[in-house]
């Protein structure tokens, strides 16, 4: 079953293609919308009124606060040094590694095809450009882009300029 009975969904969650997602052991906040071909793993937390666009991967250890936008094909990671096997050459189990948590703060937006390395925090109201590779913390309200992602501006200044022009 694509939406496991271990998923906690608050009121008003919309999963547009329930047969085309893989959700298990996660918590999804009220009013959140989830597109097709999304995977959200156990122990991931999605806040209220978020949008998780199609083809995105939210792995264990990711916490997404309220009102966050996740574009198409966004990939989160949870291990800086992944390996298939342990030192003895056996396939790794959960006992062989530790989840590195990632936090996306309220009202942040992450553009399509961005990759978010484990252990980072994306600040409140920040904007991550499409295709960016985020390898370090993103300050509140920063605009970041590139590989690796670098600060290119500030959302508050951009909004002020937009309002002034209107």
Protein backbone atom coordinates (compact mmCIF):
# COMPACT_ATOMS: atom_id res chain seq x y z
CA UNK A 1 0.00 0.00 0.00
CA UNK A 2 1.59 3.32 -1.06
CA UNK A 3 0.24 5.24 1.96
CA UNK A 4 1.07 3.11 4.97
CA UNK A 5 -1.17 2.90 8.01
CA UNK A 6 1.86 4.19 9.98
CA UNK A 7 1.44 7.68 8.47
CA UNK A 8 -0.11 10.32 10.72
CA UNK A 9 -2.05 12.78 8.56
CA UNK A 10 -3.72 15.77 10.13
CA UNK A 11 -6.99 17.22 8.85
CA UNK A 12 -7.20 18.35 5.23
CA UNK A 13 -4.03 16.68 3.89
CA UNK A 14 -4.35 16.15 0.14
CA UNK A 15 -2.47 13.33 -1.59
CA UNK A 16 -3.41 13.82 -5.23
CA UNK A 17 -2.33 10.37 -6.46
CA UNK A 18 -2.38 7.99 -3.44
CA UNK A 19 -1.42 5.02 -5.62
CA UNK A 20 1.66 6.89 -6.89
CA UNK A 21 3.35 7.89 -3.62
CA UNK A 22 5.34 6.07 -0.96
CA UNK A 23 4.58 7.43 2.51
CA UNK A 24 5.41 5.51 5.68
CA UNK A 25 6.08 6.25 9.33
CA UNK A 26 5.94 10.02 8.79
CA UNK A 27 3.78 12.86 10.12
CA UNK A 28 2.07 15.30 7.75
CA UNK A 29 0.52 18.53 9.01
CA UNK A 30 -2.98 19.85 8.32
CA UNK A 31 -3.69 21.29 4.89
CA UNK A 32 -0.49 20.00 3.27
CA UNK A 33 -0.62 18.94 -0.39
CA UNK A 34 1.49 16.09 -1.76
CA UNK A 35 2.07 15.46 -5.47
CA UNK A 36 2.61 12.23 -7.37
CA UNK A 37 5.80 10.15 -7.12
CA UNK A 38 6.74 11.59 -3.73
CA UNK A 39 8.43 9.47 -1.06
CA UNK A 40 8.34 10.54 2.57
CA UNK A 41 10.14 8.14 4.89
CA UNK A 42 9.71 7.20 8.51
CA UNK A 43 10.51 9.80 11.14
CA UNK A 44 10.18 12.67 8.64
CA UNK A 45 7.95 15.54 9.76
CA UNK A 46 6.05 17.85 7.43
CA UNK A 47 4.36 20.94 8.90
CA UNK A 48 0.97 22.44 8.16
CA UNK A 49 0.02 24.06 4.83
CA UNK A 50 3.08 22.85 2.92
CA UNK A 51 3.29 21.87 -0.72
CA UNK A 52 5.47 18.90 -1.63
CA UNK A 53 5.65 18.78 -5.45
CA UNK A 54 5.94 15.65 -7.57
CA UNK A 55 9.04 13.45 -7.71
CA UNK A 56 10.48 14.74 -4.41
CA UNK A 57 12.24 12.60 -1.80
CA UNK A 58 11.99 13.46 1.90
CA UNK A 59 14.08 10.99 3.86
CA UNK A 60 14.24 10.01 7.49
CA UNK A 61 15.53 12.81 9.69
CA UNK A 62 14.07 15.70 7.70
CA UNK A 63 11.86 18.20 9.53
CA UNK A 64 9.91 20.67 7.42
CA UNK A 65 8.09 23.45 9.28
CA UNK A 66 4.83 25.18 8.31
CA UNK A 67 4.07 26.82 4.96
CA UNK A 68 7.12 25.44 3.15
CA UNK A 69 7.20 24.96 -0.62
CA UNK A 70 9.16 21.99 -2.00
CA UNK A 71 9.50 22.10 -5.80
CA UNK A 72 9.52 19.17 -8.22
CA UNK A 73 12.29 16.61 -7.84
CA UNK A 74 13.81 18.00 -4.65
CA UNK A 75 16.15 15.47 -2.99
CA UNK A 76 17.08 15.41 0.68
CA UNK A 77 19.90 13.25 2.06
CA UNK A 78 20.49 11.99 5.60
CA UNK A 79 24.03 10.57 5.52
CA UNK A 80 27.19 12.47 4.55
CA UNK A 81 29.25 9.29 4.00
CA UNK A 82 26.84 6.61 2.72
CA UNK A 83 28.04 3.04 2.26
CA UNK A 84 26.25 -0.12 1.14
CA UNK A 85 28.19 -2.42 3.47
CA UNK A 86 29.72 -2.27 6.93
CA UNK A 87 33.41 -2.89 7.77
CA UNK A 88 32.82 -6.66 7.62
CA UNK A 89 31.45 -6.45 4.06
CA UNK A 90 27.85 -7.19 5.09
CA UNK A 91 24.95 -5.06 3.94
CA UNK A 92 24.47 -2.18 6.34
CA UNK A 93 21.57 -2.13 8.76
CA UNK A 94 20.17 0.77 10.75
CA UNK A 95 22.68 -0.12 13.49
CA UNK A 96 25.58 0.76 11.17
CA UNK A 97 24.82 4.45 10.70
CA UNK A 98 23.30 7.51 12.33
CA UNK A 99 20.71 9.79 10.74
CA UNK A 100 21.98 13.37 10.25
CA UNK A 101 18.92 15.60 10.74
CA UNK A 102 17.95 18.39 8.37
CA UNK A 103 15.60 21.27 9.19
CA UNK A 104 13.66 23.48 6.79
CA UNK A 105 12.19 26.44 8.65
CA UNK A 106 8.80 28.12 8.21
CA UNK A 107 7.89 29.67 4.84
CA UNK A 108 11.09 28.59 3.10
CA UNK A 109 10.89 27.67 -0.60
CA UNK A 110 13.08 25.11 -2.34
CA UNK A 111 13.19 25.18 -6.14
CA UNK A 112 12.89 22.19 -8.46
CA UNK A 113 15.74 19.70 -8.61
CA UNK A 114 17.58 21.15 -5.63
CA UNK A 115 19.62 18.74 -3.51
CA UNK A 116 19.81 19.30 0.22
CA UNK A 117 22.73 17.70 2.05
CA UNK A 118 22.11 16.19 5.46
CA UNK A 119 22.69 18.17 8.61
CA UNK A 120 21.83 21.60 7.22
CA UNK A 121 19.23 24.13 8.29
CA UNK A 122 17.40 26.21 5.71
CA UNK A 123 16.33 29.43 7.37
CA UNK A 124 12.88 30.94 7.79
CA UNK A 125 11.60 32.53 4.58
CA UNK A 126 14.71 31.51 2.62
CA UNK A 127 14.61 30.75 -1.10
CA UNK A 128 16.74 27.96 -2.60
CA UNK A 129 17.09 28.30 -6.37
CA UNK A 130 16.23 25.51 -8.78
CA UNK A 131 19.08 23.02 -9.21
CA UNK A 132 21.04 24.33 -6.22
CA UNK A 133 23.12 21.98 -4.11
CA UNK A 134 22.83 23.09 -0.48
CA UNK A 135 25.86 21.93 1.55
CA UNK A 136 25.80 24.51 4.36
CA UNK A 137 23.21 26.28 6.49
CA UNK A 138 21.10 28.91 4.73
CA UNK A 139 20.39 32.07 6.77
CA UNK A 140 16.84 33.29 7.40
CA UNK A 141 15.40 35.11 4.34
CA UNK A 142 18.48 34.42 2.18
CA UNK A 143 18.27 33.70 -1.53
CA UNK A 144 20.76 30.98 -2.46
CA UNK A 145 21.62 29.40 -5.81
CA UNK A 146 24.36 27.47 -7.53
CA UNK A 147 26.59 24.47 -6.96
CA UNK A 148 27.42 24.71 -4.16
CA UNK A 149 24.64 27.09 -3.16
CA UNK A 150 25.80 30.59 -2.25
CA UNK A 151 23.92 33.59 -0.89
CA UNK A 152 22.78 35.79 -3.80
CA UNK A 153 20.33 38.11 -2.06
CA UNK A 154 17.75 38.66 0.64
CA UNK A 155 14.03 37.98 0.31
CA UNK A 156 13.12 40.94 2.55
CA UNK A 157 14.96 43.38 0.29
CA UNK A 158 13.40 41.82 -2.80
CA UNK A 159 9.92 42.11 -1.30
CA UNK A 160 10.54 45.74 -0.27
CA UNK A 161 11.65 46.61 -3.82
CA UNK A 162 8.57 44.85 -5.26
CA UNK A 163 6.24 46.79 -2.97
CA UNK A 164 7.97 50.08 -3.78
CA UNK A 165 7.57 49.47 -7.51
CA UNK A 166 3.84 48.70 -7.16
